[in-house]
Protein backbone atom coordinates (compact mmCIF):
# COMPACT_ATOMS: atom_id res chain seq x y z
CA MET A 1 10.50 -17.92 185.87
CA GLY A 2 11.94 -15.06 183.87
CA TYR A 3 12.22 -12.77 186.83
CA ARG A 4 14.00 -15.13 189.21
CA ILE A 5 17.54 -14.85 190.40
CA LYS A 6 18.85 -18.10 191.83
CA GLU A 7 20.66 -18.41 195.13
CA HIS A 8 23.51 -20.36 193.50
CA PHE A 9 24.32 -17.26 191.46
CA LEU A 10 24.77 -15.26 194.65
CA ILE A 11 27.09 -17.91 196.06
CA LYS A 12 29.15 -17.91 192.83
CA PHE A 13 29.10 -14.14 192.94
CA LEU A 14 30.47 -14.21 196.50
CA LEU A 15 33.25 -16.66 195.57
CA LEU A 16 34.29 -14.54 192.58
CA ALA A 17 34.31 -11.46 194.80
CA LEU A 18 36.60 -13.16 197.32
CA ILE A 19 38.94 -14.22 194.49
CA ALA A 20 38.96 -10.63 193.25
CA ILE A 21 39.90 -9.46 196.76
CA TYR A 22 42.80 -11.89 196.83
CA LEU A 23 44.05 -10.75 193.42
CA GLY A 24 43.58 -7.11 194.35
CA TYR A 25 45.48 -7.67 197.57
CA ASN A 26 48.48 -8.77 195.52
CA LEU A 27 48.61 -5.53 193.53
CA PRO A 28 51.95 -3.68 193.90
CA PHE A 29 50.68 -1.00 196.26
CA ILE A 30 48.93 -3.47 198.61
CA SER A 31 51.15 -6.54 198.58
CA ASN A 32 53.65 -5.00 200.97
CA VAL A 33 51.01 -4.63 203.68
CA ASN A 34 51.97 -6.67 206.73
CA PHE A 35 48.88 -8.87 206.70
CA VAL A 36 49.94 -11.95 208.70
CA SER A 37 48.17 -14.13 211.25
CA ALA A 38 49.77 -12.42 214.25
CA ASP A 39 48.52 -9.04 213.08
CA ILE A 40 45.07 -10.50 212.47
CA LYS A 41 44.96 -11.82 216.03
CA ASP A 42 46.10 -8.44 217.38
CA PHE A 43 43.54 -6.76 215.19
CA PHE A 44 40.67 -8.77 216.70
CA THR A 45 41.91 -8.66 220.30
CA SER A 46 42.85 -4.98 220.34
CA ASN A 47 40.86 -2.75 222.67
CA ASP A 48 40.15 -0.50 219.71
CA ASN A 49 39.03 -3.26 217.32
CA PHE A 50 36.50 -2.87 214.59
CA ILE A 51 34.08 -5.63 215.68
CA ASN A 52 31.51 -3.48 217.48
CA PRO A 53 31.30 -0.71 214.83
CA VAL A 54 30.96 -3.27 212.03
CA ILE A 55 28.28 -5.30 213.82
CA ARG A 56 26.48 -2.08 214.64
CA SER A 57 26.67 -1.04 210.97
CA LEU A 58 25.37 -4.44 209.80
CA PHE A 59 22.29 -4.39 212.02
CA PHE A 60 21.60 -0.76 211.24
CA ALA A 61 21.96 -1.24 207.45
CA ALA A 62 19.83 -4.40 207.40
CA PHE A 63 17.08 -2.74 209.42
CA VAL A 64 17.01 0.40 207.27
CA ALA A 65 17.10 -1.59 203.99
CA ALA A 66 14.17 -3.78 205.10
CA LEU A 67 12.28 -0.74 206.38
CA CYS A 68 12.70 1.17 203.11
CA VAL A 69 11.71 -1.76 200.87
CA ILE A 70 8.68 -2.91 202.91
CA ILE A 71 7.17 0.52 203.59
CA GLY A 72 8.18 1.72 200.13
CA LEU A 73 6.27 -1.16 198.54
CA ILE A 74 3.20 -0.48 200.70
CA PHE A 75 3.13 3.22 199.81
CA SER A 76 3.59 2.47 196.10
CA LEU A 77 0.45 0.29 196.29
CA LEU A 78 -1.47 3.17 197.87
CA LEU A 79 -0.46 5.38 194.93
CA VAL A 80 -1.65 2.92 192.29
CA LYS A 81 -4.25 5.28 190.80
CA ILE A 82 -1.75 8.09 190.18
CA LYS A 83 -0.55 7.93 186.59
CA LEU A 84 2.79 9.11 185.26
CA SER A 85 1.17 11.41 182.71
CA GLU A 86 -0.98 13.23 185.29
CA ASN A 87 -0.09 16.45 187.09
CA ARG A 88 -0.15 14.42 190.31
CA GLY A 89 2.78 12.47 188.90
CA LYS A 90 4.75 15.74 188.79
CA TYR A 91 4.07 16.40 192.46
CA LEU A 92 5.17 12.88 193.31
CA SER A 93 8.64 13.60 191.86
CA ILE A 94 9.24 15.69 195.00
CA LEU A 95 10.14 12.33 196.55
CA LEU A 96 13.44 12.52 194.67
CA ILE A 97 14.63 15.65 196.51
CA PRO A 98 15.89 14.05 199.78
CA THR A 99 18.23 11.69 197.94
CA LEU A 100 19.51 14.48 195.70
CA ILE A 101 20.30 17.02 198.42
CA GLY A 102 22.75 14.57 200.00
CA GLY A 103 23.71 13.36 203.45
CA ALA A 104 25.50 16.52 204.63
CA SER A 105 22.54 18.80 203.91
CA ILE A 106 20.13 16.30 205.46
CA ALA A 107 22.34 16.23 208.55
CA PHE A 108 22.04 20.03 208.77
CA ILE A 109 18.26 19.94 208.30
CA PHE A 110 17.61 17.39 211.02
CA LYS A 111 20.20 18.83 213.37
CA VAL A 112 18.07 22.00 213.37
CA VAL A 113 14.77 20.10 213.52
CA LEU A 114 15.88 17.95 216.47
CA ILE A 115 17.93 20.58 218.33
CA ASN A 116 15.39 20.93 221.18
CA ASN A 117 14.22 17.32 221.22
CA GLU A 118 15.92 15.71 224.21
CA PHE A 119 14.26 12.32 223.72
CA VAL A 120 16.30 11.39 220.61
CA TYR A 121 19.57 11.92 222.50
CA ILE A 122 18.71 9.77 225.56
CA ASN A 123 20.69 6.65 224.60
CA PRO A 124 22.17 4.82 221.58
CA SER A 125 18.85 3.09 220.84
CA THR A 126 16.91 6.33 220.47
CA LYS A 127 19.73 7.77 218.37
CA PHE A 128 19.74 4.83 215.96
CA LEU A 129 15.96 4.73 215.72
CA THR A 130 15.97 8.43 214.89
CA LEU A 131 18.78 7.94 212.39
CA SER A 132 16.77 5.11 210.80
CA ALA A 133 13.82 7.46 210.35
CA ILE A 134 16.14 10.04 208.76
CA GLN A 135 17.60 7.36 206.47
CA PHE A 136 14.06 6.46 205.45
CA TRP A 137 13.36 10.13 204.71
CA GLN A 138 16.42 10.17 202.43
CA PHE A 139 16.26 6.74 200.75
CA GLY A 140 12.73 5.52 201.50
CA SER A 141 11.31 8.39 199.46
CA LEU A 142 13.39 7.27 196.46
CA VAL A 143 12.30 3.64 196.97
CA ILE A 144 8.63 4.65 197.01
CA TYR A 145 9.05 6.62 193.80
CA LEU A 146 10.93 3.85 191.96
CA PHE A 147 8.39 1.21 193.01
CA TRP A 148 5.58 3.47 191.83
CA LEU A 149 7.42 4.15 188.57
CA ASN A 150 7.95 0.44 187.96
CA GLN A 151 4.29 -0.18 188.73
CA GLN A 152 3.39 2.10 185.82
CA THR A 153 4.79 -0.46 183.38
CA ILE A 154 2.06 -3.00 184.22
CA SER A 155 -0.23 -3.08 181.21
CA PRO A 156 -3.88 -1.96 181.72
CA LYS A 157 -4.89 -5.21 179.99
CA VAL A 158 -3.39 -7.15 182.91
CA TRP A 159 -5.56 -5.23 185.39
CA GLU A 160 -8.62 -5.71 183.16
CA TYR A 161 -8.02 -9.47 183.02
CA ALA A 162 -7.54 -9.61 186.81
CA ASN A 163 -10.88 -7.85 187.31
CA ALA A 164 -12.57 -10.12 184.75
CA ILE A 165 -11.55 -13.32 186.58
CA GLY A 166 -12.51 -11.85 189.95
CA LEU A 167 -9.16 -11.47 191.73
CA ASN A 168 -9.41 -9.58 195.01
CA GLN A 169 -6.92 -6.91 195.99
CA TYR A 170 -4.68 -9.27 197.93
CA GLU A 171 -4.50 -11.65 194.95
CA LYS A 172 -3.72 -8.79 192.58
CA VAL A 173 -0.79 -7.75 194.76
CA ARG A 174 0.43 -11.34 195.14
CA ASP A 175 0.06 -12.42 191.49
CA ILE A 176 0.74 -9.17 189.61
CA VAL A 177 2.53 -6.54 191.67
CA LEU A 178 4.99 -8.62 193.71
CA PRO A 179 6.40 -10.55 190.71
CA LYS A 180 6.79 -7.24 188.88
CA GLN A 181 8.58 -5.57 191.81
CA ARG A 182 10.74 -8.54 192.81
CA ASN A 183 13.97 -7.78 190.94
CA LEU A 184 13.74 -4.08 191.73
CA SER A 185 13.19 -4.93 195.41
CA VAL A 186 16.43 -6.94 195.51
CA LEU A 187 18.39 -4.14 193.85
CA LEU A 188 16.94 -1.43 196.11
CA PHE A 189 17.58 -3.55 199.21
CA MET A 190 21.23 -3.81 198.19
CA VAL A 191 21.57 -0.09 197.40
CA VAL A 192 20.01 1.07 200.69
CA PHE A 193 22.03 -1.51 202.65
CA VAL A 194 25.35 -0.35 201.18
CA PHE A 195 24.70 3.37 201.65
CA SER A 196 23.44 2.80 205.20
CA PHE A 197 26.37 0.54 206.09
CA PHE A 198 28.82 3.29 205.18
CA GLU A 199 26.71 6.09 206.65
CA GLU A 200 28.86 8.78 208.24
CA ALA A 201 27.71 12.40 207.91
CA LYS A 202 24.30 12.27 209.59
CA MET A 203 25.39 10.24 212.62
CA TYR A 204 28.47 12.42 213.06
CA PHE A 205 26.87 15.86 212.58
CA ILE A 206 23.62 15.20 214.46
CA PHE A 207 24.67 12.79 217.22
CA LYS A 208 28.46 13.21 217.38
CA ALA A 209 29.23 9.53 216.85
CA SER A 210 31.95 8.21 219.14
CA ARG A 211 33.27 4.97 220.59
CA GLY A 212 32.39 6.04 224.14
CA THR A 213 28.68 6.54 223.35
CA ASN A 214 28.40 3.27 221.37
CA THR A 215 27.31 5.13 218.26
CA GLU A 216 30.41 4.69 216.14
CA LEU A 217 29.78 3.02 212.77
CA ALA A 218 32.27 1.33 210.42
CA SER A 219 33.01 4.51 208.43
CA HIS A 220 33.64 6.53 211.60
CA TRP A 221 36.01 3.85 212.90
CA LEU A 222 37.99 3.69 209.64
CA HIS A 223 38.27 7.46 209.47
CA ARG A 224 39.23 7.87 213.14
CA THR A 225 41.85 5.11 213.20
CA PHE A 226 43.37 6.29 209.94
CA LYS A 227 43.74 9.82 211.32
CA THR A 228 45.27 8.47 214.53
CA ASN A 229 47.70 6.15 212.77
CA SER A 230 48.72 8.93 210.36
CA LEU A 231 50.29 10.72 213.33
CA ILE A 232 52.67 7.77 213.66
CA ASN A 233 53.51 7.13 210.01
CA SER A 234 51.61 7.37 206.72
CA ASP A 235 52.74 3.92 205.56
CA PHE A 236 51.72 2.38 208.88
CA ALA A 237 48.35 4.13 208.63
CA PHE A 238 47.80 2.69 205.15
CA GLU A 239 48.77 -0.83 206.26
CA GLN A 240 46.26 -0.70 209.08
CA LEU A 241 43.60 0.79 206.80
CA ALA A 242 44.17 -1.90 204.15
CA THR A 243 43.89 -4.67 206.75
CA SER A 244 40.73 -3.32 208.36
CA SER A 245 39.11 -2.42 205.00
CA VAL A 246 39.55 -5.97 203.68
CA PHE A 247 37.80 -7.30 206.79
CA VAL A 248 35.03 -4.71 206.53
CA PHE A 249 34.53 -5.48 202.85
CA ILE A 250 34.40 -9.26 203.34
CA VAL A 251 32.06 -9.07 206.34
CA SER A 252 29.69 -6.64 204.61
CA LEU A 253 29.71 -8.62 201.34
CA VAL A 254 29.07 -12.01 203.00
CA SER A 255 26.36 -10.48 205.19
CA LEU A 256 24.69 -8.83 202.21
CA VAL A 257 24.64 -12.07 200.17
CA ILE A 258 23.08 -13.95 203.11
CA LEU A 259 20.50 -11.19 203.61
CA ILE A 260 19.61 -11.16 199.91
CA ILE A 261 19.13 -14.94 199.90
CA ILE A 262 16.82 -14.64 202.94
CA PHE A 263 15.03 -11.68 201.32
CA ILE A 264 14.45 -13.63 198.08
CA LYS A 265 13.10 -16.68 199.95
CA VAL A 266 10.66 -14.54 201.94
CA PHE A 267 9.59 -12.74 198.78
CA GLU A 268 9.08 -16.05 196.96
CA GLN A 269 6.95 -17.38 199.81
CA ARG A 270 4.69 -14.34 199.57
CA ILE A 271 4.32 -14.82 195.81
CA LYS A 272 3.71 -18.59 196.05
CA SER A 273 1.35 -18.31 199.01
CA LYS A 274 -2.10 -19.50 197.95
CA THR A 275 -3.81 -18.70 201.24
CA ALA A 276 -7.16 -17.14 200.49
CA ARG A 277 -7.60 -13.78 202.12
CA ASN A 278 -10.84 -11.89 201.82
CA TYR A 279 -10.00 -8.24 202.26
CA LYS A 280 -12.69 -5.64 202.07
CA SER A 281 -12.51 -3.55 198.95
CA ILE A 282 -10.40 -0.42 199.44
CA ASN A 283 -11.14 2.72 197.47
CA ALA A 284 -7.85 2.99 195.51
CA GLU A 285 -8.65 6.48 194.26
CA PHE A 286 -9.25 7.69 197.82
CA THR A 287 -6.00 6.16 199.14
CA SER A 288 -4.06 7.76 196.26
CA LYS A 289 -5.59 11.18 196.96
CA LEU A 290 -4.85 10.83 200.67
CA SER A 291 -1.32 9.41 200.32
CA LEU A 292 -0.03 12.03 197.87
CA PRO A 293 -0.39 15.12 200.13
CA ILE A 294 0.88 13.13 203.12
CA LEU A 295 4.07 12.18 201.23
CA VAL A 296 4.57 15.67 199.80
CA MET A 297 4.19 17.31 203.22
CA TRP A 298 6.43 14.65 204.78
CA ILE A 299 9.20 15.70 202.39
CA ILE A 300 8.61 19.45 202.43
CA LEU A 301 7.92 20.20 206.11
CA PRO A 302 11.44 19.51 207.54
CA MET A 303 13.07 21.65 204.82
CA LEU A 304 10.44 24.37 205.15
CA TYR A 305 10.90 24.50 208.93
CA VAL A 306 14.66 25.03 208.60
CA LEU A 307 14.32 27.60 205.81
CA LEU A 308 11.71 29.64 207.71
CA THR A 309 13.31 29.56 211.16
CA ASN A 310 16.89 30.45 210.20
CA LYS A 311 18.28 33.60 208.68
CA VAL A 312 20.79 33.50 205.86
CA ASN A 313 24.22 35.09 206.28
CA PHE A 314 25.14 36.13 202.76
CA GLN A 315 28.54 37.38 203.93
CA LEU A 316 29.76 33.80 203.81
CA GLY A 317 29.46 33.25 200.08
CA LEU A 318 30.22 30.28 197.92
CA GLU A 319 33.18 32.01 196.26
CA LYS A 320 35.64 30.40 198.68
CA LEU A 321 34.44 27.06 197.36
CA GLY A 322 34.93 28.11 193.74
CA PRO A 323 37.90 25.78 193.03
CA THR A 324 36.09 22.84 194.66
CA LEU A 325 32.93 23.62 192.70
CA LEU A 326 34.98 23.61 189.50
CA MET A 327 36.53 20.26 190.47
CA THR A 328 33.03 18.96 191.19
CA PHE A 329 31.83 19.91 187.69
CA ILE A 330 34.93 18.36 186.12
CA SER A 331 34.44 15.15 188.12
CA ALA A 332 30.74 15.07 187.18
CA LEU A 333 31.62 15.53 183.49
CA ILE A 334 34.20 12.72 183.61
CA LEU A 335 31.81 10.49 185.54
CA THR A 336 28.89 11.06 183.14
CA ALA A 337 31.11 10.46 180.10
CA LEU A 338 32.54 7.22 181.53
CA ALA A 339 29.08 6.01 182.54
CA PHE A 340 27.78 6.78 179.03
CA ILE A 341 30.64 4.98 177.28
CA PHE A 342 30.48 1.95 179.59
CA SER A 343 26.69 1.57 179.37
CA VAL A 344 26.69 1.95 175.56
CA LEU A 345 29.36 -0.73 175.14
CA CYS A 346 27.54 -3.07 177.53
CA ARG A 347 24.21 -2.50 175.75
CA LEU A 348 25.80 -3.32 172.38
CA MET A 349 27.71 -6.38 173.62
CA TRP A 350 24.87 -7.85 175.70
CA LYS A 351 21.92 -6.46 173.79
CA GLN A 352 19.48 -9.21 174.80
CA ILE A 353 20.43 -9.31 178.48
CA LEU A 354 20.42 -5.52 178.93
CA ALA A 355 17.29 -4.89 176.86
CA ASN A 356 15.20 -4.50 180.03
CA PHE A 357 15.22 -5.09 183.77
CA ASN A 358 15.21 -8.86 184.21
CA SER A 359 16.94 -11.53 186.30
CA LYS A 360 20.04 -11.53 184.09
CA SER A 361 20.40 -7.76 184.01
CA LEU A 362 19.86 -7.72 187.79
CA ARG A 363 22.98 -9.88 188.16
CA PHE A 364 24.88 -7.31 186.14
CA PHE A 365 23.69 -4.50 188.43
CA LEU A 366 24.58 -6.49 191.56
CA ALA A 367 28.12 -7.03 190.26
CA LEU A 368 28.39 -3.33 189.44
CA PHE A 369 27.27 -2.25 192.89
CA MET A 370 29.87 -4.45 194.56
CA LEU A 371 32.27 -1.57 193.85
CA VAL A 372 30.27 0.65 196.22
CA MET A 373 30.94 -1.78 199.06
CA ILE A 374 34.63 -0.92 199.16
CA PRO A 375 35.11 1.57 202.03
CA PRO A 376 35.24 5.05 200.40
CA ILE A 377 38.37 6.09 202.27
CA VAL A 378 40.26 3.28 200.51
CA PHE A 379 39.78 4.95 197.12
CA LEU A 380 41.36 8.09 198.48
CA ILE A 381 44.42 6.39 199.94
CA LEU A 382 44.94 4.23 196.86
CA GLY A 383 44.90 7.45 194.85
CA PHE A 384 47.72 8.78 197.02
CA LYS A 385 49.69 5.57 196.48
CA TRP A 386 49.36 5.74 192.73
CA MET A 387 50.35 9.40 192.72
CA ASP A 388 53.50 8.46 194.65
CA ILE A 389 54.29 5.77 192.10
CA VAL A 390 53.75 8.11 189.14
CA GLY A 391 55.62 10.91 190.92
CA TYR A 392 53.24 13.87 190.71
CA ARG A 393 53.64 16.88 192.96
CA ALA A 394 51.71 16.63 196.22
CA SER A 395 49.11 19.37 195.59
CA PHE A 396 48.32 18.20 192.07
CA GLY A 397 48.27 14.57 193.19
CA ILE A 398 45.79 15.35 195.96
CA ARG A 399 43.39 16.96 193.49
CA ILE A 400 43.75 14.08 191.05
CA SER A 401 43.06 11.64 193.90
CA TRP A 402 40.00 13.69 194.91
CA VAL A 403 38.58 13.51 191.38
CA ILE A 404 39.39 9.82 190.83
CA GLY A 405 37.99 8.81 194.22
CA HIS A 406 34.68 10.56 193.65
CA VAL A 407 34.36 9.24 190.11
CA ILE A 408 34.89 5.63 191.24
CA MET A 409 32.54 5.94 194.21
CA ALA A 410 29.62 7.34 192.17
CA PHE A 411 30.31 5.27 189.03
CA PRO A 412 27.98 2.30 189.85
CA LEU A 413 24.98 4.50 190.64
CA ILE A 414 25.33 6.84 187.63
CA THR A 415 26.13 3.93 185.30
CA SER A 416 23.01 2.13 186.51
CA PHE A 417 20.89 5.17 185.64
CA SER A 418 22.56 5.37 182.22
CA MET A 419 21.95 1.67 181.55
CA ALA A 420 18.31 2.04 182.58
CA THR A 421 18.03 4.91 180.08
CA HIS A 422 19.38 2.66 177.34
CA PHE A 423 16.64 0.09 178.01
CA ARG A 424 14.57 2.40 175.81
CA VAL A 425 16.79 1.63 172.80
CA LYS A 426 15.06 -1.22 170.94
CA THR A 427 17.14 -4.28 170.19
CA ASP A 428 15.63 -4.41 166.69
CA HIS A 429 17.15 -1.01 165.94
CA ILE A 430 20.58 -2.20 167.12
CA ASN A 431 20.30 -5.31 164.97
CA TYR A 432 19.25 -3.26 161.95
CA LEU A 433 22.28 -0.98 162.17
CA GLN A 434 24.60 -3.94 162.75
CA ILE A 435 23.24 -5.73 159.67
CA HIS A 436 23.99 -2.63 157.58
CA LYS A 437 27.48 -2.45 159.12
CA ILE A 438 27.03 1.03 160.54
CA SER A 439 30.13 2.18 162.42
CA LEU A 440 30.27 2.17 166.22
CA LEU A 441 30.52 5.96 166.30
CA GLU A 442 27.41 6.39 164.17
CA LYS A 443 25.45 3.83 166.19
CA THR A 444 26.43 5.57 169.39
CA ARG A 445 25.45 8.98 168.01
CA ASP A 446 22.10 7.96 166.47
CA LEU A 447 20.85 5.42 169.00
CA PHE A 448 22.30 6.52 172.33
CA PHE A 449 23.38 10.16 172.24
CA LYS A 450 20.95 12.27 170.23
CA PRO A 451 17.70 10.82 171.67
CA PHE A 452 18.83 11.14 175.30
CA LYS A 453 20.82 14.38 175.53
CA ALA A 454 18.51 15.75 178.23
CA ASP A 455 18.87 12.48 180.16
CA TYR A 456 22.64 12.93 180.25
CA LEU A 457 22.17 16.47 181.49
CA LEU A 458 20.15 15.02 184.36
CA LEU A 459 22.88 12.43 185.05
CA GLY A 460 25.46 15.23 185.13
CA LEU A 461 23.38 17.19 187.65
CA ILE A 462 22.87 14.11 189.83
CA SER A 463 26.62 13.46 189.66
CA CYS A 464 27.28 17.02 190.86
CA ALA A 465 24.85 16.56 193.76
CA LEU A 466 26.45 13.26 194.82
CA ILE A 467 30.02 14.55 194.65
CA TRP A 468 29.18 17.90 196.25
CA ASN A 469 27.59 16.19 199.26
CA GLU A 470 30.07 13.31 199.70
CA SER A 471 31.50 13.38 203.21
CA ILE A 472 34.31 10.85 203.70
CA ILE A 473 36.87 11.95 201.10
CA ASN A 474 36.01 15.60 201.68
CA ASN A 475 36.51 15.24 205.43
CA VAL A 476 39.85 13.42 205.09
CA LEU A 477 41.16 16.09 202.71
CA SER A 478 39.66 19.03 204.60
CA ASP A 479 43.10 20.57 205.28
CA GLN A 480 44.05 20.61 201.59
CA ILE A 481 40.73 21.06 199.75
CA LYS A 482 37.89 23.21 201.07
CA SER A 483 34.53 21.55 200.47
CA PHE A 484 30.84 22.07 201.08
CA VAL A 485 30.84 19.33 203.74
CA THR A 486 33.79 20.71 205.72
CA GLU A 487 32.50 24.30 205.55
CA LEU A 488 29.06 23.16 206.63
CA ASN A 489 30.61 21.22 209.51
CA MET A 490 32.40 24.33 210.75
CA THR A 491 29.21 26.40 210.65
CA ILE A 492 26.94 23.93 212.47
CA SER A 493 29.32 22.19 214.90
CA GLY A 494 31.16 23.30 217.99
CA ARG A 495 30.74 26.27 220.31
CA SER A 496 31.10 28.78 217.47
CA ALA A 497 28.28 27.20 215.45
CA ASP A 498 26.31 29.73 213.42
CA TYR A 499 23.45 28.18 211.48
CA SER A 500 22.90 31.36 209.50
CA LYS A 501 26.29 30.82 207.85
CA GLY A 502 25.36 27.28 206.87
CA MET A 503 22.06 28.33 205.29
CA ILE A 504 23.69 29.57 202.09
CA PHE A 505 25.16 26.10 201.55
CA LEU A 506 21.79 24.48 202.22
CA TYR A 507 20.05 26.78 199.73
CA PHE A 508 22.60 25.82 197.08
CA SER A 509 22.13 22.10 197.75
CA ILE A 510 18.32 22.28 197.69
CA GLY A 511 18.45 24.45 194.55
CA LEU A 512 20.59 21.86 192.76
CA ALA A 513 18.13 19.12 193.76
CA VAL A 514 15.13 21.14 192.55
CA VAL A 515 16.81 21.69 189.17
CA CYS A 516 17.36 17.92 188.89
CA VAL A 517 13.67 17.27 189.62
CA MET A 518 12.58 19.88 187.06
CA VAL A 519 14.77 18.27 184.38
CA TRP A 520 13.41 14.86 185.37
CA ASN A 521 9.80 16.04 185.03
CA TYR A 522 10.59 17.48 181.63
CA LEU A 523 12.05 14.15 180.53
CA VAL A 524 9.26 12.03 181.94
CA PHE A 525 6.38 14.02 180.51
CA LYS A 526 8.15 14.38 177.19
CA ASN A 527 8.56 10.61 176.98
CA SER A 528 5.52 9.46 179.00
CA LYS A 529 4.49 7.02 176.29
CA ILE A 530 7.90 5.37 176.49
CA TYR A 531 7.81 5.03 180.27
CA SER A 532 4.26 3.73 180.38
CA HIS A 533 3.07 0.27 179.34
CA ASN A 534 6.50 -0.77 178.11
CA GLU A 535 7.27 -4.22 179.45
């Protein structure tokens, strides 16, 4: 029972979220939005309404989330014989690279890979199926790795007992693996759903998403209508954006809660199923040896193809992006520091709940990730509004908004990683220091900072990768702030596209991801005893 999350919690969670929306709507910078019934009716009946893009985004996100979790779980079972402390475990960390190189770089990679493949461009269905496969390449690889990593925490004594009482492979999966992976499955389903729902860069760069081709998603619609309305009036554009964003947020949140409830019920049925199934014994060592090279090649081949078939134009250097790179590092530093402070305070205040990954800590993560469901463009515009209230100069205000928007957008993900790191701090140690009335600063230094300095370096690098590859805020501010995404767009899109100019940006992005993986391997193999067999 300890790993269950009840449906009534999700319903309460939804109600609290809707109350939060109402309260947020009444903040000073939103309350003047003309959000009345007549406008709502016009909004739904307008020829350029948001219904189709949102429905399209919902189906796409649900399909990709289910695809990543189901196939990810299957592949993690095939890798059961690969241990974290082995060299094969190092090779498996290559699965982290697609998520780290970001959506813009992935769009470039698959734009080159698919350039001569006419089949994927036939109709909207082939485009979305192809995009789903690309999403799986980006997020499914991470899901596989996290499932496999979580599987490492199952004690060898559990497997020995299962063998002793004669459980077959199906029963081992049903009675041991599925209960262990249940909470993580729910969290990963939510993460993949949210990032797929607000997908923008890959559909835009590869398939040129548009209303006329029925490939426009929610993010594209919000961006396009905001740009169009800005030509009329900035206040009018914000009013329309606020109205549409509230609808998008509510629809996505309600849909996600319903999907999670369905997902949990299906998962529970699999666990509770007592149907006897006599599967022939599968050689687990053989499947692990076969699956590892397949996964590694699956990750490497698309990148290798692009790197080997395109020349690099070094005349277009990264120096023009120097100021943006500096802002990226500053944002990553602020983000990592805030995530550290927040996760430390939460670990100290709720030391029993956040001692490990359980049903109660899962609820905490779900509440945290609700922030990611707010359309990214809203953070940017709210930043502008606050800068107007405070009265900063336009150029400085834009940069502050850029930093704040990126920090808020990446905060749930980086904070989740930080909180997972702090699972390794034993509750007994916290209690001991509290009994001896050690100061908060000393507890933070001795328990949370010194032992995990390399972990925070990794979080900082991941933060840089996320911010560097973010597309929505960077695209909206492309006229004021040069970014990797906008420069990449200019080099791979349009009649003057020159892939050789975009290669230098791709090399930088892949290099940053490889550094993250190297730091991760260092951390894992340094602390392999902590990661393994630690329920």
